[in-house]
Amino acid sequence: MHISQYDFDQNGNPLTPNYQRYYDRVGRHRDRLNNMLFAYSFVLNAVNHLSDKVGGFTYASASPSLNQEMRTMLSALLEKSTKSCEHPFQEVNLFKVVSENQFIAKIKPVFFNITNILDCVT
């Protein structure tokens, strides 16, 4: 994590990871760890869903060798991802069945807040 990846050492040593800072700011907070796991699983699931489409992308950097390297690296990543983590995120667990009235009651304040924010901006 970038939070503690490069820590300034007062003794003049090179920048080093600070695991204690990471633990203090993230590791000891269960909700933060759960949020990181959710975000990781969500992105990994999206990558897995797109794996068959990404293979056909055309890479257009200035260097053909860089294009080939990118294609090779991405193929290796997708192969490992789809084999190791076939279903990292279950959408059904996120979207639970609720009645129409329950859904409207939950979503209405959110859209009201978004509308208020947009009214302030425009």
Protein backbone atom coordinates (compact mmCIF):
# COMPACT_ATOMS: atom_id res chain seq x y z
CA MET A 1 0.00 0.00 0.00
CA HIS A 2 1.22 3.48 -0.78
CA ILE A 3 0.38 4.59 2.78
CA SER A 4 3.60 3.11 4.11
CA GLN A 5 5.59 2.03 1.08
CA TYR A 6 8.25 4.76 1.25
CA ASP A 7 9.03 5.92 4.76
CA PHE A 8 11.72 8.47 5.48
CA ASP A 9 14.36 7.02 7.79
CA GLN A 10 15.80 9.60 10.20
CA ASN A 11 19.16 7.74 10.21
CA GLY A 12 19.78 8.45 6.54
CA ASN A 13 18.96 4.98 5.25
CA PRO A 14 17.10 4.67 1.95
CA LEU A 15 13.33 4.90 1.91
CA THR A 16 11.83 1.70 3.26
CA PRO A 17 8.37 0.28 3.93
CA ASN A 18 6.92 1.15 7.33
CA TYR A 19 4.80 -1.81 8.31
CA GLN A 20 3.89 -0.33 11.68
CA ARG A 21 2.36 2.75 10.01
CA TYR A 22 0.41 0.51 7.66
CA TYR A 23 -0.86 -1.54 10.59
CA ASP A 24 -1.78 1.59 12.58
CA ARG A 25 -3.65 3.24 9.71
CA VAL A 26 -5.20 0.21 8.00
CA GLY A 27 -4.39 -3.16 9.52
CA ARG A 28 -6.02 -2.68 12.89
CA HIS A 29 -9.22 -1.29 11.38
CA ARG A 30 -11.47 -4.13 10.30
CA ASP A 31 -13.73 -1.88 8.20
CA ARG A 32 -10.76 -0.56 6.20
CA LEU A 33 -9.48 -4.07 5.54
CA ASN A 34 -12.97 -5.13 4.44
CA ASN A 35 -13.18 -2.12 2.11
CA MET A 36 -9.81 -3.01 0.56
CA LEU A 37 -10.88 -6.62 0.08
CA PHE A 38 -14.16 -5.51 -1.47
CA ALA A 39 -12.40 -3.12 -3.88
CA TYR A 40 -9.80 -5.75 -4.82
CA SER A 41 -12.46 -8.42 -5.40
CA PHE A 42 -14.66 -6.06 -7.38
CA VAL A 43 -11.86 -5.00 -9.73
CA LEU A 44 -10.56 -8.56 -10.10
CA ASN A 45 -14.05 -9.75 -10.99
CA ALA A 46 -14.36 -7.01 -13.62
CA VAL A 47 -10.99 -7.97 -15.11
CA ASN A 48 -12.03 -11.63 -15.22
CA HIS A 49 -15.30 -10.74 -16.96
CA LEU A 50 -13.41 -8.78 -19.61
CA SER A 51 -10.61 -11.29 -20.12
CA ASP A 52 -11.98 -12.69 -23.38
CA LYS A 53 -12.42 -9.19 -24.84
CA VAL A 54 -9.08 -7.75 -23.71
CA GLY A 55 -7.12 -10.35 -25.66
CA GLY A 56 -8.25 -8.81 -28.92
CA PHE A 57 -7.22 -5.25 -28.09
CA THR A 58 -4.93 -3.40 -30.44
CA TYR A 59 -2.08 -1.69 -28.63
CA ALA A 60 -0.84 1.45 -30.31
CA SER A 61 2.22 2.80 -28.54
CA ALA A 62 5.16 4.22 -30.47
CA SER A 63 7.04 0.95 -30.09
CA PRO A 64 5.86 -2.36 -31.62
CA SER A 65 8.06 -4.26 -29.15
CA LEU A 66 6.37 -2.43 -26.27
CA ASN A 67 2.98 -3.35 -27.74
CA GLN A 68 3.98 -7.01 -27.83
CA GLU A 69 5.37 -6.86 -24.29
CA MET A 70 2.10 -5.34 -23.05
CA ARG A 71 0.06 -8.01 -24.84
CA THR A 72 2.21 -10.78 -23.33
CA MET A 73 2.09 -9.35 -19.80
CA LEU A 74 -1.66 -8.80 -19.93
CA SER A 75 -2.28 -12.30 -21.27
CA ALA A 76 -0.22 -13.79 -18.44
CA LEU A 77 -2.07 -11.70 -15.86
CA LEU A 78 -5.47 -12.68 -17.23
CA GLU A 79 -4.53 -16.35 -17.38
CA LYS A 80 -3.44 -16.38 -13.74
CA SER A 81 -6.41 -14.31 -12.65
CA THR A 82 -9.06 -16.43 -14.29
CA LYS A 83 -7.48 -19.73 -13.15
CA SER A 84 -6.74 -18.70 -9.56
CA CYS A 85 -9.76 -16.50 -8.84
CA GLU A 86 -12.61 -17.72 -10.95
CA HIS A 87 -15.34 -15.95 -8.95
CA PRO A 88 -13.72 -13.44 -6.56
CA PHE A 89 -16.86 -11.33 -6.22
CA GLN A 90 -20.44 -12.50 -6.08
CA GLU A 91 -22.80 -9.80 -7.33
CA VAL A 92 -25.79 -11.54 -5.78
CA ASN A 93 -24.34 -10.89 -2.33
CA LEU A 94 -24.26 -7.16 -3.09
CA PHE A 95 -27.73 -6.82 -4.58
CA LYS A 96 -30.18 -8.41 -2.19
CA VAL A 97 -33.80 -8.75 -3.16
CA VAL A 98 -35.88 -5.99 -1.65
CA SER A 99 -39.36 -4.80 -2.35
CA GLU A 100 -39.95 -1.87 -4.67
CA ASN A 101 -40.96 0.36 -1.76
CA GLN A 102 -37.82 -0.56 0.23
CA PHE A 103 -35.66 0.15 -2.79
CA ILE A 104 -37.28 3.54 -3.41
CA ALA A 105 -36.99 4.46 0.27
CA LYS A 106 -33.24 3.70 0.20
CA ILE A 107 -32.38 5.22 -3.16
CA LYS A 108 -34.50 8.38 -2.97
CA PRO A 109 -32.30 10.21 -0.40
CA VAL A 110 -29.20 9.37 -2.42
CA PHE A 111 -30.58 10.92 -5.59
CA PHE A 112 -31.90 13.86 -3.59
CA ASN A 113 -28.36 14.49 -2.29
CA ILE A 114 -26.87 14.15 -5.77
CA THR A 115 -29.44 16.60 -7.12
CA ASN A 116 -28.61 19.10 -4.38
CA ILE A 117 -24.89 18.82 -5.11
CA LEU A 118 -25.44 19.31 -8.83
CA ASP A 119 -27.68 22.30 -8.15
CA CYS A 120 -24.86 23.86 -6.12
CA VAL A 121 -22.32 23.23 -8.87
CA THR A 122 -24.37 24.58 -11.76
